[in-house]
């Protein structure tokens, strides 16, 4: 919700926590979806390098 309302600063820690939870559950698809959202959030915050890293991880996971 925070990202959808344009609050990338608030979204970042929430998405990082959510990704860890999905990883612990072994839910690869949901983990990849979080990586996409993290990439979008990081891009909105101006961290292009980290955004590309997250999006690349998501792309590889979706391709598996």
C-alpha atoms as a PDB file:
ATOM      1  CA  UNK A   1       0.000   0.000   0.000  1.00  0.00           C
ATOM      2  CA  UNK A   2       2.812   2.401   0.863  1.00  0.00           C
ATOM      3  CA  UNK A   3       4.353   2.044  -2.591  1.00  0.00           C
ATOM      4  CA  UNK A   4       0.979   2.432  -4.302  1.00  0.00           C
ATOM      5  CA  UNK A   5       0.426   5.723  -2.491  1.00  0.00           C
ATOM      6  CA  UNK A   6       3.875   6.967  -3.472  1.00  0.00           C
ATOM      7  CA  UNK A   7       5.553   6.512  -0.095  1.00  0.00           C
ATOM      8  CA  UNK A   8       8.647   4.594  -1.178  1.00  0.00           C
ATOM      9  CA  UNK A   9      10.464   5.386   2.076  1.00  0.00           C
ATOM     10  CA  UNK A  10       7.774   3.606   4.081  1.00  0.00           C
ATOM     11  CA  UNK A  11       7.475   0.749   1.577  1.00  0.00           C
ATOM     12  CA  UNK A  12      11.158  -0.236   1.602  1.00  0.00           C
ATOM     13  CA  UNK A  13      11.435  -1.790   5.096  1.00  0.00           C
ATOM     14  CA  UNK A  14       8.029  -3.441   4.749  1.00  0.00           C
ATOM     15  CA  UNK A  15       8.974  -5.082   1.455  1.00  0.00           C
ATOM     16  CA  UNK A  16      12.331  -6.240   2.784  1.00  0.00           C
ATOM     17  CA  UNK A  17      10.606  -7.876   5.754  1.00  0.00           C
ATOM     18  CA  UNK A  18       7.986  -9.460   3.513  1.00  0.00           C
ATOM     19  CA  UNK A  19      10.638 -10.895   1.195  1.00  0.00           C
ATOM     20  CA  UNK A  20      12.442 -12.517   4.134  1.00  0.00           C
ATOM     21  CA  UNK A  21       9.180 -14.109   5.265  1.00  0.00           C
ATOM     22  CA  UNK A  22       8.436 -15.529   1.793  1.00  0.00           C
ATOM     23  CA  UNK A  23      12.022 -16.804   1.512  1.00  0.00           C
ATOM     24  CA  UNK A  24      11.690 -18.617   4.853  1.00  0.00           C
ATOM     25  CA  UNK A  25       8.490 -20.239   3.601  1.00  0.00           C
ATOM     26  CA  UNK A  26      10.211 -21.343   0.397  1.00  0.00           C
ATOM     27  CA  UNK A  27       7.692 -19.444  -1.729  1.00  0.00           C
ATOM     28  CA  UNK A  28       9.894 -18.621  -4.711  1.00  0.00           C
ATOM     29  CA  UNK A  29       7.200 -16.912  -6.809  1.00  0.00           C
ATOM     30  CA  UNK A  30       6.125 -14.622  -3.965  1.00  0.00           C
ATOM     31  CA  UNK A  31       9.751 -13.894  -3.118  1.00  0.00           C
ATOM     32  CA  UNK A  32      10.321 -12.872  -6.742  1.00  0.00           C
ATOM     33  CA  UNK A  33       7.220 -10.664  -6.698  1.00  0.00           C
ATOM     34  CA  UNK A  34       8.650  -8.909  -3.649  1.00  0.00           C
ATOM     35  CA  UNK A  35      11.944  -8.451  -5.500  1.00  0.00           C
ATOM     36  CA  UNK A  36      10.032  -6.722  -8.315  1.00  0.00           C
ATOM     37  CA  UNK A  37       8.342  -4.403  -5.846  1.00  0.00           C
ATOM     38  CA  UNK A  38      11.658  -3.769  -4.113  1.00  0.00           C
ATOM     39  CA  UNK A  39      13.204  -2.918  -7.467  1.00  0.00           C
ATOM     40  CA  UNK A  40      10.444  -0.444  -8.218  1.00  0.00           C
ATOM     41  CA  UNK A  41      10.765   1.061  -4.746  1.00  0.00           C
ATOM     42  CA  UNK A  42      14.535   1.403  -4.960  1.00  0.00           C
ATOM     43  CA  UNK A  43      14.199   2.990  -8.377  1.00  0.00           C
ATOM     44  CA  UNK A  44      11.703   5.501  -6.955  1.00  0.00           C
ATOM     45  CA  UNK A  45      14.237   6.303  -4.236  1.00  0.00           C
ATOM     46  CA  UNK A  46      16.970   6.897  -6.839  1.00  0.00           C
ATOM     47  CA  UNK A  47      19.007   3.742  -6.145  1.00  0.00           C
ATOM     48  CA  UNK A  48      19.173   2.441  -9.699  1.00  0.00           C
ATOM     49  CA  UNK A  49      21.991  -0.054  -9.100  1.00  0.00           C
ATOM     50  CA  UNK A  50      20.115  -1.833  -6.303  1.00  0.00           C
ATOM     51  CA  UNK A  51      16.898  -1.663  -8.325  1.00  0.00           C
ATOM     52  CA  UNK A  52      18.541  -3.435 -11.257  1.00  0.00           C
ATOM     53  CA  UNK A  53      19.929  -6.087  -8.919  1.00  0.00           C
ATOM     54  CA  UNK A  54      16.501  -6.817  -7.412  1.00  0.00           C
ATOM     55  CA  UNK A  55      14.803  -6.886 -10.800  1.00  0.00           C
ATOM     56  CA  UNK A  56      17.473  -9.229 -12.187  1.00  0.00           C
ATOM     57  CA  UNK A  57      16.973 -11.624  -9.283  1.00  0.00           C
ATOM     58  CA  UNK A  58      13.222 -11.580  -9.900  1.00  0.00           C
ATOM     59  CA  UNK A  59      13.651 -12.179 -13.621  1.00  0.00           C
ATOM     60  CA  UNK A  60      15.892 -15.199 -13.034  1.00  0.00           C
ATOM     61  CA  UNK A  61      13.477 -16.647 -10.498  1.00  0.00           C
ATOM     62  CA  UNK A  62      10.463 -16.232 -12.788  1.00  0.00           C
ATOM     63  CA  UNK A  63      12.420 -17.921 -15.595  1.00  0.00           C
ATOM     64  CA  UNK A  64      13.050 -21.059 -13.504  1.00  0.00           C
END
